[in-house]
Amino acid sequence: MGEFLPGFAALPPSAFRDSADVADAIDGIRAALESRPAELEKSAQRGRLAQQH
């Protein structure tokens, strides 16, 4: 990690994509992470219902 950060910080802005693209990617990751617990809960509920029948 100590080697990575100085090298990363030394890169010119042109080495990075458009900041809007990065923000969109972060939003997509955030949405996926936020939806995952809800999907897991639905799956657990289906499993509980299946065990009851």
C-alpha atoms as a PDB file:
ATOM      1  CA  MET A   1       0.000   0.000   0.000  1.00  0.00           C
ATOM      2  CA  GLY A   2       2.842   2.379   0.773  1.00  0.00           C
ATOM      3  CA  GLU A   3       4.178   2.049  -2.753  1.00  0.00           C
ATOM      4  CA  PHE A   4       0.789   2.340  -4.395  1.00  0.00           C
ATOM      5  CA  LEU A   5      -0.426   5.668  -3.019  1.00  0.00           C
ATOM      6  CA  PRO A   6       2.574   7.833  -4.004  1.00  0.00           C
ATOM      7  CA  GLY A   7       2.563   6.357  -7.510  1.00  0.00           C
ATOM      8  CA  PHE A   8      -1.172   6.824  -7.796  1.00  0.00           C
ATOM      9  CA  ALA A   9      -1.007  10.417  -6.574  1.00  0.00           C
ATOM     10  CA  ALA A  10       1.760  11.208  -9.070  1.00  0.00           C
ATOM     11  CA  LEU A  11      -0.382  10.316 -12.082  1.00  0.00           C
ATOM     12  CA  PRO A  12      -1.651  13.232 -14.171  1.00  0.00           C
ATOM     13  CA  PRO A  13      -5.404  13.898 -14.298  1.00  0.00           C
ATOM     14  CA  SER A  14      -5.433  12.622 -17.886  1.00  0.00           C
ATOM     15  CA  ALA A  15      -4.625   9.142 -16.541  1.00  0.00           C
ATOM     16  CA  PHE A  16      -8.082   8.936 -15.053  1.00  0.00           C
ATOM     17  CA  ARG A  17     -11.449   8.661 -16.724  1.00  0.00           C
ATOM     18  CA  ASP A  18     -14.034  11.374 -16.708  1.00  0.00           C
ATOM     19  CA  SER A  19     -15.123  12.031 -13.121  1.00  0.00           C
ATOM     20  CA  ALA A  20     -18.786  11.613 -14.142  1.00  0.00           C
ATOM     21  CA  ASP A  21     -18.007   8.055 -15.290  1.00  0.00           C
ATOM     22  CA  VAL A  22     -16.351   7.313 -11.970  1.00  0.00           C
ATOM     23  CA  ALA A  23     -19.315   8.764 -10.055  1.00  0.00           C
ATOM     24  CA  ASP A  24     -21.729   6.652 -12.135  1.00  0.00           C
ATOM     25  CA  ALA A  25     -19.696   3.523 -11.403  1.00  0.00           C
ATOM     26  CA  ILE A  26     -19.667   4.276  -7.677  1.00  0.00           C
ATOM     27  CA  ASP A  27     -23.430   4.857  -7.713  1.00  0.00           C
ATOM     28  CA  GLY A  28     -23.916   1.517  -9.465  1.00  0.00           C
ATOM     29  CA  ILE A  29     -21.792  -0.296  -6.921  1.00  0.00           C
ATOM     30  CA  ARG A  30     -23.609   1.421  -4.059  1.00  0.00           C
ATOM     31  CA  ALA A  31     -27.017   0.449  -5.486  1.00  0.00           C
ATOM     32  CA  ALA A  32     -25.912  -3.169  -5.886  1.00  0.00           C
ATOM     33  CA  LEU A  33     -24.629  -3.308  -2.316  1.00  0.00           C
ATOM     34  CA  GLU A  34     -27.787  -1.716  -0.939  1.00  0.00           C
ATOM     35  CA  SER A  35     -30.086  -4.076  -2.838  1.00  0.00           C
ATOM     36  CA  ARG A  36     -28.196  -7.210  -1.801  1.00  0.00           C
ATOM     37  CA  PRO A  37     -29.495  -7.387   1.802  1.00  0.00           C
ATOM     38  CA  ALA A  38     -33.065  -7.040   0.504  1.00  0.00           C
ATOM     39  CA  GLU A  39     -32.501  -9.889  -1.971  1.00  0.00           C
ATOM     40  CA  LEU A  40     -31.024 -12.066   0.768  1.00  0.00           C
ATOM     41  CA  GLU A  41     -33.982 -11.367   3.053  1.00  0.00           C
ATOM     42  CA  LYS A  42     -36.465 -12.300   0.299  1.00  0.00           C
ATOM     43  CA  SER A  43     -34.579 -15.535  -0.269  1.00  0.00           C
ATOM     44  CA  ALA A  44     -34.603 -16.295   3.449  1.00  0.00           C
ATOM     45  CA  GLN A  45     -38.338 -15.623   3.623  1.00  0.00           C
ATOM     46  CA  ARG A  46     -38.959 -18.012   0.723  1.00  0.00           C
ATOM     47  CA  GLY A  47     -36.871 -20.626   2.510  1.00  0.00           C
ATOM     48  CA  ARG A  48     -38.825 -20.182   5.741  1.00  0.00           C
ATOM     49  CA  LEU A  49     -42.134 -20.474   3.871  1.00  0.00           C
ATOM     50  CA  ALA A  50     -40.950 -23.614   2.086  1.00  0.00           C
ATOM     51  CA  GLN A  51     -40.008 -25.211   5.411  1.00  0.00           C
ATOM     52  CA  GLN A  52     -43.458 -24.468   6.842  1.00  0.00           C
ATOM     53  CA  HIS A  53     -45.250 -26.302   4.035  1.00  0.00           C
END
